[in-house]
């Protein structure tokens, strides 16, 4: 495996407002809180302990999309597309990715389904910095592998 030295581990940090408990009782608080955000693509360590079921992953250009289910519904959850930080030098090249979930202590028990999207332009650019003639990359997720041609 070849590691990209310029990447660093990025820790998730929730905004102070999202860490407070939210009243989910529909009779006293009929306005649902923002449920989730998925704006980060980062090199990560091991997955967090908050479970997530990724049901579907697909690629549209340089954007990877995922549909995921998780338990919660009372506070904002954070989802990060995590990259292992390197490539396996197979033909074609491949790299491992996973969706990480941070529930911010949400104890609600509703099943929530969300769809997310992350821009992989930086991953493509970094791949081409190391392998200028690469024309594709296998994105290896825990449940499936997607061939990305660029």
C-alpha atoms as a PDB file:
ATOM      1  CA  UNK A   1       0.000   0.000   0.000  1.00  0.00           C
ATOM      2  CA  UNK A   2       1.211   3.512  -0.794  1.00  0.00           C
ATOM      3  CA  UNK A   3       0.206   6.281   1.632  1.00  0.00           C
ATOM      4  CA  UNK A   4      -0.287   9.884   0.694  1.00  0.00           C
ATOM      5  CA  UNK A   5       1.762  11.931   3.139  1.00  0.00           C
ATOM      6  CA  UNK A   6      -0.105  15.212   2.717  1.00  0.00           C
ATOM      7  CA  UNK A   7      -3.375  13.913   4.208  1.00  0.00           C
ATOM      8  CA  UNK A   8      -4.041  14.181   7.911  1.00  0.00           C
ATOM      9  CA  UNK A   9      -6.579  12.633  10.228  1.00  0.00           C
ATOM     10  CA  UNK A  10      -9.596  14.870  10.596  1.00  0.00           C
ATOM     11  CA  UNK A  11     -11.671  14.592  13.753  1.00  0.00           C
ATOM     12  CA  UNK A  12     -15.368  15.269  13.590  1.00  0.00           C
ATOM     13  CA  UNK A  13     -16.537  18.197  15.669  1.00  0.00           C
ATOM     14  CA  UNK A  14     -20.179  19.060  16.072  1.00  0.00           C
ATOM     15  CA  UNK A  15     -21.374  22.582  16.510  1.00  0.00           C
ATOM     16  CA  UNK A  16     -22.259  23.472  20.085  1.00  0.00           C
ATOM     17  CA  UNK A  17     -25.902  23.875  19.164  1.00  0.00           C
ATOM     18  CA  UNK A  18     -26.122  20.334  17.825  1.00  0.00           C
ATOM     19  CA  UNK A  19     -24.768  18.726  20.987  1.00  0.00           C
ATOM     20  CA  UNK A  20     -27.725  19.703  23.127  1.00  0.00           C
ATOM     21  CA  UNK A  21     -30.629  17.290  23.454  1.00  0.00           C
ATOM     22  CA  UNK A  22     -33.598  18.127  21.270  1.00  0.00           C
ATOM     23  CA  UNK A  23     -37.212  17.644  22.266  1.00  0.00           C
ATOM     24  CA  UNK A  24     -38.555  15.097  19.770  1.00  0.00           C
ATOM     25  CA  UNK A  25     -42.069  14.937  21.186  1.00  0.00           C
ATOM     26  CA  UNK A  26     -44.294  15.913  18.210  1.00  0.00           C
ATOM     27  CA  UNK A  27     -46.905  17.408  20.557  1.00  0.00           C
ATOM     28  CA  UNK A  28     -44.545  19.856  22.249  1.00  0.00           C
ATOM     29  CA  UNK A  29     -42.029  20.346  19.433  1.00  0.00           C
ATOM     30  CA  UNK A  30     -43.657  19.812  16.032  1.00  0.00           C
ATOM     31  CA  UNK A  31     -40.637  21.139  14.114  1.00  0.00           C
ATOM     32  CA  UNK A  32     -38.160  18.355  13.418  1.00  0.00           C
ATOM     33  CA  UNK A  33     -34.477  19.140  13.993  1.00  0.00           C
ATOM     34  CA  UNK A  34     -31.959  18.899  11.176  1.00  0.00           C
ATOM     35  CA  UNK A  35     -31.221  15.196  11.043  1.00  0.00           C
ATOM     36  CA  UNK A  36     -27.856  14.753   9.390  1.00  0.00           C
ATOM     37  CA  UNK A  37     -25.085  16.324   7.422  1.00  0.00           C
ATOM     38  CA  UNK A  38     -22.503  14.744   5.175  1.00  0.00           C
ATOM     39  CA  UNK A  39     -20.078  17.362   4.031  1.00  0.00           C
ATOM     40  CA  UNK A  40     -16.744  15.828   4.932  1.00  0.00           C
ATOM     41  CA  UNK A  41     -14.393  13.577   3.014  1.00  0.00           C
ATOM     42  CA  UNK A  42     -11.341  12.772   5.107  1.00  0.00           C
ATOM     43  CA  UNK A  43      -8.612  10.344   6.028  1.00  0.00           C
ATOM     44  CA  UNK A  44      -9.954   8.608   9.126  1.00  0.00           C
ATOM     45  CA  UNK A  45      -8.885   6.091  11.687  1.00  0.00           C
ATOM     46  CA  UNK A  46     -11.087   3.152  12.635  1.00  0.00           C
ATOM     47  CA  UNK A  47     -14.863   3.613  12.311  1.00  0.00           C
ATOM     48  CA  UNK A  48     -16.718   5.159  15.228  1.00  0.00           C
ATOM     49  CA  UNK A  49     -18.937   2.978  17.409  1.00  0.00           C
ATOM     50  CA  UNK A  50     -22.189   4.556  16.178  1.00  0.00           C
ATOM     51  CA  UNK A  51     -23.816   2.040  13.822  1.00  0.00           C
ATOM     52  CA  UNK A  52     -24.894   2.829  10.278  1.00  0.00           C
ATOM     53  CA  UNK A  53     -26.280   0.530   7.607  1.00  0.00           C
ATOM     54  CA  UNK A  54     -25.137   1.636   4.157  1.00  0.00           C
ATOM     55  CA  UNK A  55     -27.719   0.270   1.757  1.00  0.00           C
ATOM     56  CA  UNK A  56     -26.554   1.615  -1.564  1.00  0.00           C
ATOM     57  CA  UNK A  57     -23.466   3.331  -2.961  1.00  0.00           C
ATOM     58  CA  UNK A  58     -23.167   4.784  -6.464  1.00  0.00           C
ATOM     59  CA  UNK A  59     -20.995   7.145  -8.433  1.00  0.00           C
ATOM     60  CA  UNK A  60     -22.080  10.074 -10.595  1.00  0.00           C
ATOM     61  CA  UNK A  61     -19.068  11.725 -12.218  1.00  0.00           C
ATOM     62  CA  UNK A  62     -16.717  12.609  -9.356  1.00  0.00           C
ATOM     63  CA  UNK A  63     -19.446  12.454  -6.706  1.00  0.00           C
ATOM     64  CA  UNK A  64     -20.096   9.345  -4.644  1.00  0.00           C
ATOM     65  CA  UNK A  65     -23.603   8.933  -3.253  1.00  0.00           C
ATOM     66  CA  UNK A  66     -24.787   6.666  -0.444  1.00  0.00           C
ATOM     67  CA  UNK A  67     -28.107   5.811   1.131  1.00  0.00           C
ATOM     68  CA  UNK A  68     -27.825   4.901   4.782  1.00  0.00           C
ATOM     69  CA  UNK A  69     -30.078   3.914   7.672  1.00  0.00           C
ATOM     70  CA  UNK A  70     -29.405   4.584  11.320  1.00  0.00           C
ATOM     71  CA  UNK A  71     -31.207   4.904  14.640  1.00  0.00           C
ATOM     72  CA  UNK A  72     -31.830   8.375  16.030  1.00  0.00           C
ATOM     73  CA  UNK A  73     -33.923  11.362  15.071  1.00  0.00           C
ATOM     74  CA  UNK A  74     -33.470  13.766  17.982  1.00  0.00           C
ATOM     75  CA  UNK A  75     -30.117  15.440  17.303  1.00  0.00           C
ATOM     76  CA  UNK A  76     -28.050  16.158  14.238  1.00  0.00           C
ATOM     77  CA  UNK A  77     -25.823  13.289  13.131  1.00  0.00           C
ATOM     78  CA  UNK A  78     -22.577  13.654  11.194  1.00  0.00           C
ATOM     79  CA  UNK A  79     -21.469  11.355   8.374  1.00  0.00           C
ATOM     80  CA  UNK A  80     -17.992  11.363   6.891  1.00  0.00           C
ATOM     81  CA  UNK A  81     -16.778   9.493   3.853  1.00  0.00           C
ATOM     82  CA  UNK A  82     -13.526   8.065   5.179  1.00  0.00           C
ATOM     83  CA  UNK A  83     -10.528   7.168   3.063  1.00  0.00           C
ATOM     84  CA  UNK A  84      -7.796   4.860   4.327  1.00  0.00           C
ATOM     85  CA  UNK A  85      -5.195   7.329   3.028  1.00  0.00           C
ATOM     86  CA  UNK A  86      -3.446   5.161   0.463  1.00  0.00           C
ATOM     87  CA  UNK A  87      -3.742   2.960  -2.589  1.00  0.00           C
ATOM     88  CA  UNK A  88      -3.223  -0.720  -3.277  1.00  0.00           C
ATOM     89  CA  UNK A  89      -0.998  -1.013  -6.312  1.00  0.00           C
ATOM     90  CA  UNK A  90      -3.093  -3.529  -8.196  1.00  0.00           C
ATOM     91  CA  UNK A  91      -4.270  -3.228 -11.772  1.00  0.00           C
ATOM     92  CA  UNK A  92      -6.364  -1.189 -11.664  1.00  0.00           C
ATOM     93  CA  UNK A  93      -5.382   0.781  -8.566  1.00  0.00           C
ATOM     94  CA  UNK A  94      -7.759   0.468  -5.638  1.00  0.00           C
ATOM     95  CA  UNK A  95      -8.448   2.226  -2.369  1.00  0.00           C
ATOM     96  CA  UNK A  96     -10.744   1.567   0.576  1.00  0.00           C
ATOM     97  CA  UNK A  97     -13.534   3.885   1.716  1.00  0.00           C
ATOM     98  CA  UNK A  98     -16.244   3.664   4.369  1.00  0.00           C
ATOM     99  CA  UNK A  99     -19.050   5.832   5.716  1.00  0.00           C
ATOM    100  CA  UNK A 100     -18.461   6.863   9.328  1.00  0.00           C
ATOM    101  CA  UNK A 101     -21.332   7.900  11.587  1.00  0.00           C
ATOM    102  CA  UNK A 102     -21.229  10.128  14.656  1.00  0.00           C
ATOM    103  CA  UNK A 103     -24.587  10.172  16.490  1.00  0.00           C
ATOM    104  CA  UNK A 104     -23.684  12.892  19.011  1.00  0.00           C
ATOM    105  CA  UNK A 105     -25.204  10.852  21.851  1.00  0.00           C
ATOM    106  CA  UNK A 106     -28.636  10.584  20.206  1.00  0.00           C
ATOM    107  CA  UNK A 107     -30.695   8.096  22.226  1.00  0.00           C
ATOM    108  CA  UNK A 108     -33.831   8.242  20.068  1.00  0.00           C
ATOM    109  CA  UNK A 109     -34.810   4.948  18.481  1.00  0.00           C
ATOM    110  CA  UNK A 110     -36.446   5.873  15.159  1.00  0.00           C
ATOM    111  CA  UNK A 111     -35.045   4.357  11.962  1.00  0.00           C
ATOM    112  CA  UNK A 112     -33.894   7.251   9.781  1.00  0.00           C
ATOM    113  CA  UNK A 113     -32.934   6.870   6.124  1.00  0.00           C
ATOM    114  CA  UNK A 114     -30.838   9.547   4.442  1.00  0.00           C
ATOM    115  CA  UNK A 115     -28.988   9.960   1.157  1.00  0.00           C
ATOM    116  CA  UNK A 116     -25.601  11.655   1.091  1.00  0.00           C
ATOM    117  CA  UNK A 117     -23.105  12.859  -1.510  1.00  0.00           C
ATOM    118  CA  UNK A 118     -19.374  13.575  -1.339  1.00  0.00           C
ATOM    119  CA  UNK A 119     -17.091  15.143  -3.953  1.00  0.00           C
ATOM    120  CA  UNK A 120     -14.095  12.916  -4.769  1.00  0.00           C
ATOM    121  CA  UNK A 121     -12.240  15.395  -6.980  1.00  0.00           C
ATOM    122  CA  UNK A 122      -9.401  15.673  -4.452  1.00  0.00           C
ATOM    123  CA  UNK A 123      -9.009  11.885  -4.349  1.00  0.00           C
ATOM    124  CA  UNK A 124      -8.836  11.740  -8.152  1.00  0.00           C
ATOM    125  CA  UNK A 125      -6.287  14.569  -8.227  1.00  0.00           C
ATOM    126  CA  UNK A 126      -4.141  12.902  -5.563  1.00  0.00           C
ATOM    127  CA  UNK A 127      -4.299   9.597  -7.427  1.00  0.00           C
ATOM    128  CA  UNK A 128      -3.135  11.286 -10.630  1.00  0.00           C
ATOM    129  CA  UNK A 129      -0.313  13.051  -8.742  1.00  0.00           C
ATOM    130  CA  UNK A 130       1.084   9.626  -7.824  1.00  0.00           C
ATOM    131  CA  UNK A 131       0.070   7.738 -10.994  1.00  0.00           C
ATOM    132  CA  UNK A 132      -0.264  10.253 -13.876  1.00  0.00           C
ATOM    133  CA  UNK A 133      -1.275   7.540 -16.351  1.00  0.00           C
ATOM    134  CA  UNK A 134      -4.048   6.069 -14.186  1.00  0.00           C
ATOM    135  CA  UNK A 135      -7.394   6.109 -15.933  1.00  0.00           C
ATOM    136  CA  UNK A 136      -9.489   4.445 -13.219  1.00  0.00           C
ATOM    137  CA  UNK A 137      -9.617   3.587  -9.558  1.00  0.00           C
ATOM    138  CA  UNK A 138     -11.510   0.839  -7.763  1.00  0.00           C
ATOM    139  CA  UNK A 139     -13.379   2.307  -4.793  1.00  0.00           C
ATOM    140  CA  UNK A 140     -13.640  -0.550  -2.292  1.00  0.00           C
ATOM    141  CA  UNK A 141     -16.471  -0.113   0.214  1.00  0.00           C
ATOM    142  CA  UNK A 142     -17.299  -2.712   2.897  1.00  0.00           C
ATOM    143  CA  UNK A 143     -20.363  -3.855   0.927  1.00  0.00           C
ATOM    144  CA  UNK A 144     -19.351  -3.312  -2.692  1.00  0.00           C
ATOM    145  CA  UNK A 145     -16.668  -2.163  -5.118  1.00  0.00           C
ATOM    146  CA  UNK A 146     -17.198   0.557  -7.718  1.00  0.00           C
ATOM    147  CA  UNK A 147     -14.955   1.188 -10.706  1.00  0.00           C
ATOM    148  CA  UNK A 148     -14.337   4.921 -11.186  1.00  0.00           C
ATOM    149  CA  UNK A 149     -13.072   5.894 -14.637  1.00  0.00           C
ATOM    150  CA  UNK A 150     -11.523   9.333 -15.061  1.00  0.00           C
END
